[in-house]
Protein backbone atom coordinates (compact mmCIF):
# COMPACT_ATOMS: atom_id res chain seq x y z
CA MET A 1 -84.02 -71.63 17.20
CA LEU A 2 -87.34 -72.23 15.43
CA GLU A 3 -85.56 -71.34 12.20
CA ALA A 4 -82.98 -74.07 12.90
CA LEU A 5 -85.72 -76.57 13.74
CA THR A 6 -87.49 -76.03 10.40
CA ALA A 7 -84.31 -75.53 8.35
CA GLY A 8 -82.68 -78.77 9.50
CA PHE A 9 -84.98 -80.87 7.32
CA TYR A 10 -84.09 -78.85 4.23
CA VAL A 11 -80.36 -78.75 4.98
CA ASN A 12 -80.12 -82.50 5.53
CA ILE A 13 -81.75 -83.49 2.27
CA THR A 14 -80.07 -80.92 0.05
CA ARG A 15 -76.53 -81.29 1.44
CA SER A 16 -76.50 -85.02 2.20
CA LEU A 17 -78.19 -85.98 -1.04
CA ALA A 18 -75.97 -83.81 -3.28
CA PRO A 19 -72.87 -86.07 -3.44
CA ILE A 20 -75.09 -89.16 -3.77
CA PHE A 21 -77.10 -87.54 -6.57
CA LEU A 22 -73.94 -86.44 -8.38
CA ALA A 23 -72.45 -89.94 -8.12
CA VAL A 24 -75.66 -91.51 -9.45
CA ILE A 25 -75.83 -89.24 -12.52
CA GLY A 26 -72.27 -90.20 -13.45
CA TYR A 27 -69.95 -87.80 -11.67
CA THR A 28 -66.72 -89.40 -10.49
CA ILE A 29 -65.21 -88.46 -7.13
CA VAL A 30 -62.76 -86.16 -8.94
CA ASP A 31 -65.65 -84.57 -10.90
CA ILE A 32 -67.53 -83.91 -7.65
CA VAL A 33 -64.43 -82.41 -6.07
CA LYS A 34 -63.85 -80.11 -9.08
CA LEU A 35 -67.48 -78.96 -9.01
CA ASN A 36 -67.21 -78.17 -5.31
CA ALA A 37 -63.87 -76.41 -5.83
CA THR A 38 -65.42 -74.10 -8.44
CA ALA A 39 -68.45 -73.40 -6.24
CA TYR A 40 -66.37 -72.63 -3.16
CA LEU A 41 -63.97 -70.47 -5.15
CA PHE A 42 -66.88 -68.16 -6.01
CA ALA A 43 -68.22 -68.49 -2.45
CA THR A 44 -64.85 -67.39 -1.06
CA VAL A 45 -64.81 -64.35 -3.34
CA LEU A 46 -68.37 -63.53 -2.26
CA SER A 47 -67.43 -63.90 1.41
CA TYR A 48 -64.69 -61.31 0.87
CA VAL A 49 -67.22 -58.95 -0.70
CA VAL A 50 -69.65 -59.49 2.19
CA TYR A 51 -66.84 -58.87 4.69
CA THR A 52 -65.79 -55.68 2.89
CA TYR A 53 -69.34 -54.26 3.00
CA ARG A 54 -70.25 -55.77 6.38
CA GLU A 55 -71.34 -52.43 7.84
CA LYS A 56 -74.02 -52.10 5.18
CA PHE A 57 -75.21 -55.66 5.79
CA ILE A 58 -75.38 -55.08 9.54
CA ARG A 59 -77.41 -51.88 9.15
CA ASN A 60 -80.02 -53.73 7.07
CA ILE A 61 -79.52 -57.18 8.56
CA LYS A 62 -83.09 -58.47 8.43
CA LYS A 63 -83.73 -57.38 4.84
CA PHE A 64 -80.51 -58.95 3.56
CA LEU A 65 -80.91 -62.07 5.69
CA LEU A 66 -84.42 -62.81 4.41
CA THR A 67 -83.38 -62.18 0.79
CA PHE A 68 -80.36 -64.48 0.81
CA HIS A 69 -82.15 -67.01 3.02
CA ALA A 70 -84.87 -67.40 0.37
CA LEU A 71 -82.48 -67.41 -2.61
CA GLU A 72 -80.39 -70.14 -1.02
CA ARG A 73 -83.44 -72.40 -0.69
CA LEU A 74 -84.61 -71.63 -4.20
CA PHE A 75 -81.37 -72.63 -5.91
CA TRP A 76 -80.80 -75.76 -3.83
CA GLY A 77 -84.29 -76.90 -4.83
CA LEU A 78 -83.49 -76.41 -8.52
CA ILE A 79 -80.40 -78.66 -8.57
CA PRO A 80 -81.95 -81.88 -10.03
CA ILE A 81 -84.00 -79.91 -12.58
CA SER A 82 -80.89 -77.97 -13.63
CA TYR A 83 -79.34 -81.29 -14.72
CA TYR A 84 -82.02 -81.58 -17.40
CA PHE A 85 -81.09 -78.15 -18.78
CA ASN A 86 -77.32 -78.71 -18.54
CA VAL A 87 -76.83 -75.84 -16.09
CA LEU A 88 -76.20 -77.90 -12.97
CA PRO A 89 -72.71 -76.42 -12.27
CA ILE A 90 -74.12 -72.87 -12.40
CA VAL A 91 -77.10 -73.61 -10.16
CA TYR A 92 -74.97 -75.63 -7.73
CA THR A 93 -72.45 -72.78 -7.50
CA LEU A 94 -75.18 -70.20 -6.84
CA ALA A 95 -76.71 -72.46 -4.17
CA ILE A 96 -73.34 -72.69 -2.40
CA CYS A 97 -72.69 -68.95 -2.77
CA PHE A 98 -75.99 -67.85 -1.21
CA THR A 99 -75.16 -69.81 1.95
CA VAL A 100 -72.32 -67.34 2.61
CA PRO A 101 -74.31 -64.17 3.46
CA THR A 102 -77.04 -66.26 5.10
CA SER A 103 -74.61 -67.94 7.51
CA ALA A 104 -72.75 -64.70 8.22
CA LEU A 105 -75.87 -62.74 9.13
CA ILE A 106 -77.30 -65.53 11.30
CA ASN A 107 -73.96 -65.63 13.14
CA VAL A 108 -74.11 -61.85 13.61
CA ALA A 109 -77.53 -62.14 15.25
CA ILE A 110 -76.37 -64.98 17.53
CA PHE A 111 -73.02 -63.46 18.51
CA SER A 112 -74.79 -60.23 19.46
CA LEU A 113 -76.28 -62.05 22.43
CA ASP A 114 -74.38 -62.20 25.71
CA LYS A 115 -71.71 -64.93 25.88
CA ARG A 116 -73.70 -67.43 27.90
CA THR A 117 -76.88 -67.03 25.84
CA ALA A 118 -74.91 -67.18 22.59
CA LYS A 119 -73.29 -70.49 23.58
CA LYS A 120 -76.62 -71.92 24.69
CA THR A 121 -78.26 -70.77 21.44
CA LEU A 122 -75.50 -72.35 19.33
CA ALA A 123 -75.85 -75.68 21.14
CA LEU A 124 -79.66 -75.71 20.98
CA ARG A 125 -79.68 -74.67 17.31
CA ALA A 126 -77.31 -77.55 16.50
CA SER A 127 -79.45 -80.01 18.47
CA LEU A 128 -82.81 -78.82 17.12
CA GLY A 129 -81.45 -78.68 13.60
CA SER A 130 -80.24 -82.26 13.92
CA PHE A 131 -83.66 -83.34 15.20
CA SER A 132 -85.39 -82.10 12.05
CA ASN A 133 -82.44 -83.48 10.09
CA ILE A 134 -83.53 -86.94 11.22
CA LEU A 135 -86.92 -86.45 9.61
CA GLY A 136 -85.13 -85.46 6.42
CA SER A 137 -82.90 -88.54 6.58
CA ILE A 138 -85.86 -90.87 7.21
CA ILE A 139 -87.87 -89.46 4.32
CA SER A 140 -84.81 -89.53 2.02
CA PHE A 141 -84.11 -93.13 2.93
CA ILE A 142 -87.73 -94.20 2.32
CA VAL A 143 -88.02 -92.37 -1.00
CA LEU A 144 -84.66 -93.63 -2.28
CA TYR A 145 -85.52 -97.19 -1.23
CA ILE A 146 -89.07 -97.30 -2.61
CA LEU A 147 -88.94 -95.19 -5.77
CA ILE A 148 -86.94 -95.89 -8.91
CA GLY A 149 -85.61 -93.40 -11.43
CA PHE A 150 -84.53 -89.79 -11.58
CA GLU A 151 -87.89 -88.42 -10.41
CA LYS A 152 -87.21 -89.39 -6.79
CA TYR A 153 -84.43 -86.79 -6.63
CA ILE A 154 -86.70 -84.10 -8.06
CA LEU A 155 -89.33 -85.00 -5.46
CA LEU A 156 -86.87 -84.86 -2.55
CA TYR A 157 -85.31 -81.56 -3.59
CA ALA A 158 -88.70 -79.94 -4.25
CA LEU A 159 -89.99 -81.11 -0.85
CA SER A 160 -86.87 -79.95 1.00
CA SER A 161 -86.96 -76.56 -0.71
CA ALA A 162 -90.62 -76.08 0.23
CA VAL A 163 -89.91 -76.92 3.88
CA GLY A 164 -86.86 -74.66 3.72
CA PHE A 165 -89.07 -71.72 2.80
CA ILE A 166 -91.05 -72.32 5.99
CA SER A 167 -87.90 -71.45 7.95
CA THR A 168 -87.66 -68.24 5.91
CA VAL A 169 -91.22 -67.36 6.93
CA VAL A 170 -90.38 -68.13 10.56
CA LEU A 171 -87.35 -65.86 10.30
CA ALA A 172 -89.51 -63.05 8.92
CA PHE A 173 -91.32 -62.87 12.28
CA ALA A 174 -88.13 -63.01 14.33
CA ASN A 175 -87.21 -59.96 16.37
CA ILE A 176 -83.73 -59.08 15.13
CA GLY A 177 -82.96 -55.81 16.83
CA ARG A 178 -79.91 -53.61 17.07
CA ILE A 179 -76.65 -55.50 16.72
CA GLY A 180 -74.47 -55.03 19.78
CA LEU A 181 -71.07 -56.00 18.40
CA GLY A 182 -68.05 -53.73 18.35
CA ASP A 183 -64.31 -53.70 17.72
CA VAL A 184 -62.03 -55.92 19.79
CA GLU A 185 -58.62 -55.35 21.35
CA GLU A 186 -55.43 -56.81 19.88
CA GLU A 187 -55.32 -59.68 22.39
CA ALA A 188 -58.76 -60.80 21.26
CA LYS A 189 -57.66 -60.48 17.62
CA ILE A 190 -54.70 -62.76 18.33
CA LYS A 191 -57.09 -65.28 19.84
CA TYR A 192 -59.63 -65.33 17.03
CA VAL A 193 -56.96 -65.47 14.30
CA ASN A 194 -55.57 -68.65 15.86
CA VAL A 195 -59.06 -70.06 16.42
CA LEU A 196 -59.94 -69.36 12.78
CA LEU A 197 -56.73 -71.04 11.58
CA PHE A 198 -57.69 -74.08 13.65
CA PHE A 199 -61.22 -73.93 12.23
CA ILE A 200 -59.91 -73.73 8.64
CA LEU A 201 -57.78 -76.85 9.06
CA VAL A 202 -60.63 -78.83 10.65
CA THR A 203 -63.24 -77.72 8.12
CA ALA A 204 -60.93 -78.40 5.16
CA SER A 205 -60.57 -81.96 6.47
CA SER A 206 -64.32 -82.21 6.93
CA ALA A 207 -64.83 -80.96 3.36
CA LEU A 208 -62.60 -83.71 2.01
CA ILE A 209 -64.49 -86.36 3.95
CA GLY A 210 -67.98 -84.98 3.35
CA SER A 211 -67.63 -84.64 -0.42
CA THR A 212 -66.00 -88.03 -1.05
CA TRP A 213 -67.24 -90.48 1.59
CA THR A 214 -70.72 -91.28 0.22
CA PRO A 215 -69.56 -91.28 -3.43
CA HIS A 216 -66.83 -93.71 -2.32
CA LEU A 217 -69.50 -95.97 -0.80
CA VAL A 218 -71.67 -95.84 -3.93
CA ARG A 219 -69.05 -95.99 -6.68
CA ASP A 220 -66.14 -97.90 -5.10
CA LEU A 221 -67.77 -100.18 -2.53
CA GLY A 222 -70.98 -100.84 -4.48
CA ALA A 223 -73.41 -99.59 -1.80
CA LYS A 224 -76.93 -98.55 -2.81
CA ASP A 225 -77.94 -94.89 -2.64
CA TYR A 226 -80.31 -95.59 0.27
CA PHE A 227 -77.42 -97.17 2.23
CA ALA A 228 -75.36 -94.02 1.70
CA MET A 229 -78.31 -92.03 3.04
CA ALA A 230 -78.41 -94.35 6.06
CA VAL A 231 -74.85 -93.23 6.84
CA SER A 232 -76.09 -89.66 6.72
CA PHE A 233 -79.03 -90.59 8.95
CA LEU A 234 -76.76 -91.96 11.67
CA GLN A 235 -74.61 -88.85 11.53
CA THR A 236 -77.73 -86.75 11.94
CA ALA A 237 -79.09 -88.82 14.81
CA THR A 238 -75.78 -88.55 16.63
CA SER A 239 -75.72 -84.79 16.04
CA ILE A 240 -78.88 -84.38 18.13
CA PHE A 241 -77.17 -85.47 21.33
CA ALA A 242 -73.54 -84.59 20.58
CA PRO A 243 -73.99 -80.79 21.02
CA LEU A 244 -75.69 -81.37 24.37
CA PHE A 245 -72.77 -83.56 25.45
CA TRP A 246 -70.07 -81.08 24.38
CA SER A 247 -71.88 -77.97 25.60
CA GLY A 248 -70.52 -76.68 28.92
CA ARG A 249 -67.47 -78.95 28.90
CA ASN A 250 -64.04 -77.72 29.90
CA TYR A 251 -62.24 -76.60 26.75
CA ARG A 252 -59.41 -79.07 27.33
CA THR A 253 -61.92 -81.91 27.02
CA TYR A 254 -62.22 -80.99 23.35
CA ARG A 255 -58.78 -82.49 22.75
CA ILE A 256 -60.58 -85.85 22.78
CA ALA A 257 -62.84 -84.70 19.94
CA ILE A 258 -59.86 -83.67 17.80
CA ILE A 259 -58.03 -86.95 18.43
CA LEU A 260 -61.15 -89.03 17.64
CA SER A 261 -61.67 -87.04 14.44
CA SER A 262 -58.16 -87.84 13.19
CA ILE A 263 -58.91 -91.58 13.37
CA ILE A 264 -61.92 -91.39 11.02
CA PRO A 265 -60.28 -90.73 7.58
CA PRO A 266 -57.85 -93.70 7.64
CA ALA A 267 -60.67 -95.93 8.90
CA ILE A 268 -62.91 -94.85 6.01
CA TYR A 269 -60.21 -95.90 3.53
CA ILE A 270 -59.10 -99.12 5.22
CA ILE A 271 -62.56 -100.62 5.80
CA LYS A 272 -63.85 -102.04 2.50
CA ASN A 273 -67.09 -103.51 3.82
CA PRO A 274 -69.85 -100.83 3.75
CA ILE A 275 -71.58 -102.10 6.95
CA PRO A 276 -68.91 -100.91 9.47
CA HIS A 277 -69.14 -97.45 7.91
CA LEU A 278 -72.41 -97.08 9.82
CA ALA A 279 -70.44 -97.15 13.08
CA LEU A 280 -67.85 -94.78 11.63
CA ALA A 281 -70.67 -92.33 10.86
CA VAL A 282 -71.57 -92.19 14.56
CA PHE A 283 -67.97 -91.53 15.65
CA TYR A 284 -67.53 -88.97 12.85
CA ALA A 285 -70.62 -86.98 13.85
CA PHE A 286 -69.84 -87.14 17.56
CA SER A 287 -66.23 -85.98 17.25
CA PHE A 288 -66.75 -83.32 14.58
CA ASN A 289 -69.64 -81.81 16.53
CA GLY A 290 -67.25 -81.30 19.41
CA VAL A 291 -64.56 -79.76 17.22
CA ASN A 292 -66.98 -77.40 15.45
CA MET A 293 -68.62 -76.31 18.68
CA LEU A 294 -65.22 -75.51 20.16
CA SER A 295 -64.58 -73.02 17.33
CA SER A 296 -68.08 -71.54 17.55
CA PHE A 297 -67.98 -71.17 21.34
CA MET A 298 -64.61 -69.42 21.30
CA CYS A 299 -65.72 -67.06 18.52
CA ALA A 300 -68.93 -66.29 20.45
CA GLU A 301 -66.83 -65.27 23.46
CA ILE A 302 -64.85 -62.70 21.48
CA ARG A 303 -67.99 -60.77 20.36
CA GLY A 304 -66.26 -58.73 17.67
CA LYS A 305 -68.35 -57.41 14.79
CA ASP A 306 -65.83 -58.82 12.29
CA VAL A 307 -65.86 -62.33 13.78
CA PRO A 308 -69.16 -63.65 12.29
CA PHE A 309 -68.09 -62.56 8.81
CA LEU A 310 -64.56 -63.94 9.24
CA LEU A 311 -66.00 -67.22 10.51
CA THR A 312 -68.18 -67.53 7.40
CA ALA A 313 -65.29 -66.51 5.12
CA SER A 314 -63.10 -69.11 6.83
CA THR A 315 -65.76 -71.74 6.17
CA SER A 316 -65.83 -70.97 2.43
CA PHE A 317 -62.04 -70.78 2.20
CA SER A 318 -61.55 -74.04 4.10
CA GLN A 319 -64.03 -75.82 1.82
CA LEU A 320 -62.10 -74.46 -1.16
CA LEU A 321 -58.81 -75.55 0.43
CA GLY A 322 -60.19 -79.05 0.96
CA MET A 323 -61.29 -79.29 -2.67
CA ILE A 324 -57.93 -77.99 -3.96
CA LEU A 325 -56.10 -80.61 -1.90
CA ALA A 326 -58.45 -83.27 -3.28
CA ILE A 327 -57.71 -82.19 -6.87
CA LEU A 328 -53.96 -82.08 -6.26
CA THR A 329 -53.90 -85.51 -4.62
CA GLY A 330 -56.18 -87.02 -7.26
CA SER A 331 -56.94 -90.30 -5.51
CA PHE A 332 -59.24 -91.26 -2.66
CA THR A 333 -56.30 -92.74 -0.74
CA LEU A 334 -54.33 -89.49 -0.77
CA MET A 335 -57.49 -87.53 0.01
CA MET A 336 -57.97 -89.46 3.25
CA ILE A 337 -54.28 -89.07 4.10
CA SER A 338 -54.63 -85.32 3.55
CA ALA A 339 -57.73 -85.20 5.74
CA THR A 340 -55.84 -86.97 8.56
CA ALA A 341 -52.82 -84.66 8.19
CA LEU A 342 -55.05 -81.57 8.42
CA LEU A 343 -56.64 -82.83 11.65
CA LEU A 344 -53.28 -83.66 13.22
CA LEU A 345 -52.01 -80.22 12.23
CA ALA A 346 -55.12 -78.66 13.81
CA LEU A 347 -54.47 -80.62 17.01
CA THR A 348 -50.85 -79.42 17.09
CA LEU A 349 -51.90 -75.82 16.42
CA SER A 350 -54.51 -75.89 19.19
CA LEU A 351 -52.07 -77.34 21.73
CA LEU A 352 -49.43 -74.74 20.87
CA THR A 353 -51.42 -71.55 20.34
CA ILE A 354 -54.83 -71.73 22.05
CA PRO A 355 -54.36 -71.21 25.81
CA GLU A 356 -57.71 -72.79 26.73
CA ILE A 357 -56.60 -76.10 25.18
CA SER A 358 -52.83 -75.90 25.53
CA ILE A 359 -50.86 -77.82 28.14
CA ASP A 360 -48.58 -74.81 28.82
CA VAL A 361 -50.71 -71.65 28.91
CA GLU A 362 -47.85 -69.13 29.00
CA ARG A 363 -46.03 -70.70 26.07
CA ALA A 364 -49.31 -70.84 24.17
CA ARG A 365 -49.67 -67.07 24.55
CA VAL A 366 -46.17 -66.57 23.11
CA TYR A 367 -46.72 -68.99 20.24
CA SER A 368 -50.14 -67.53 19.47
CA ARG A 369 -48.54 -64.07 19.13
CA ILE A 370 -45.90 -65.49 16.75
CA VAL A 371 -48.52 -67.24 14.60
CA TYR A 372 -50.64 -64.07 14.62
CA ASP A 373 -47.73 -61.88 13.49
CA VAL A 374 -46.75 -64.33 10.74
CA THR A 375 -50.35 -64.70 9.60
CA ILE A 376 -51.03 -60.96 9.49
CA SER A 377 -47.71 -60.28 7.72
CA GLY A 378 -48.46 -63.01 5.20
CA TYR A 379 -51.98 -61.69 4.67
CA SER A 380 -50.73 -58.12 4.15
CA PHE A 381 -48.06 -59.33 1.72
CA SER A 382 -50.56 -61.49 -0.19
CA THR A 383 -53.10 -58.67 -0.37
CA THR A 384 -50.51 -56.19 -1.62
CA LEU A 385 -49.13 -58.71 -4.10
CA ALA A 386 -52.63 -59.51 -5.38
CA LYS A 387 -53.44 -55.82 -5.85
CA GLU A 388 -50.15 -55.10 -7.60
CA THR A 389 -50.51 -58.19 -9.80
CA THR A 390 -54.05 -57.16 -10.76
CA LEU A 391 -52.95 -53.62 -11.58
CA LEU A 392 -50.01 -54.93 -13.61
CA ALA A 393 -52.32 -57.29 -15.51
CA LEU A 394 -54.71 -54.42 -16.28
CA ARG A 395 -51.83 -52.20 -17.44
CA LEU A 396 -50.41 -54.94 -19.67
CA THR A 397 -53.88 -55.59 -21.07
CA ALA A 398 -54.35 -51.89 -21.81
CA LEU A 399 -50.89 -51.77 -23.42
CA ALA A 400 -51.69 -54.82 -25.54
CA PHE A 401 -54.97 -53.27 -26.74
CA ALA A 402 -53.14 -50.00 -27.48
CA ILE A 403 -50.52 -51.83 -29.58
CA MET A 404 -53.24 -53.76 -31.40
CA LEU A 405 -55.15 -50.53 -32.07
CA ILE A 406 -52.03 -48.74 -33.34
CA THR A 407 -51.20 -51.73 -35.57
CA PHE A 408 -54.75 -51.77 -36.93
CA ILE A 409 -54.69 -48.02 -37.66
CA TYR A 410 -51.26 -48.33 -39.28
CA ARG A 411 -52.47 -51.14 -41.56
CA VAL A 412 -55.61 -49.22 -42.52
CA ILE A 413 -53.53 -46.16 -43.43
CA TYR A 414 -51.06 -48.34 -45.33
CA TYR A 415 -53.78 -50.01 -47.45
CA LEU A 416 -55.51 -46.70 -48.08
CA SER A 417 -52.27 -45.22 -49.35
CA LEU A 418 -51.82 -47.96 -51.98
């Protein structure tokens, strides 16, 4: 929890400032989306690698956690400087990628606790992280308002990275003992597959909103960069109390959070005056905190050793899905429509397949089994198809090189014989 308290400051500045910084240096909303799509594509591939070798990571959890924890903070701090050297896309992608193993291993440590303690830890980490987030938002707002020029971004990122390393030092003294997670039964697998599908839909919607909202305020509505940071500040302030509100609630209460979330994207598009967006920021943070905590709480209850890694992989994939949808839609209007559709689909999925939220528990169990079977079958087919396609591509490449080599040898022999 101390790690979350110190890391919140760093996370707020680096993540909240990134879309504002990119918009200021000339990136359009589509450019920002494409950059994020590339970064999360590599992050998704890395999450698969981490999942594949999860046993090795678990055996040496503290060593790997500290390494990736530090690398993540290093590369986020280098983002404004990397713009000078024309390597911003590479540095940004590496910064995103290193969050994958860091998040997975922190989740492993938390989910290893008993169910009640794990839920309490998740709620307190979210609240404490948001508290230090506020300090980050206040400092960002002051610096952006007072200073002029590119140097203010270098200052903020350097400061946030330095504070971020304090959380790494704190983590070095943490007692991360033996991980008590094991395999789960099929019923639990059915549950977490449906929860993860719900989480993917919600997070993909959040990715669309998070990567385009502040650039929309700056580029389309003419708001200053410090006003965009004020929106982030209100989200952070709300996130201090929202986890405490949602923690311990009956799972069916979370339907309210999902419904409230689905109202936000159309409101962001319809309202052209930047001022009301401050109120939208409060509703956005409050509702999405509830939705995210629902997914985390249900995953913490399952306690499977695969779940923390699958949760992290789902996060990367959902971010990638959100960016792909943004690229395909191409306009801010369609992006917000897509974000709303994803949330409504998540609400429908939760009501049909998650017994804790569903109106009809018995039908939810039947539907969850159907979705599970379809999902697993689709995954197996996709995996097999990907492997076969890769092998075919390698064979065709080898054949092409062989034909080229034979042609080259033939021509050499032909010219030598002249």
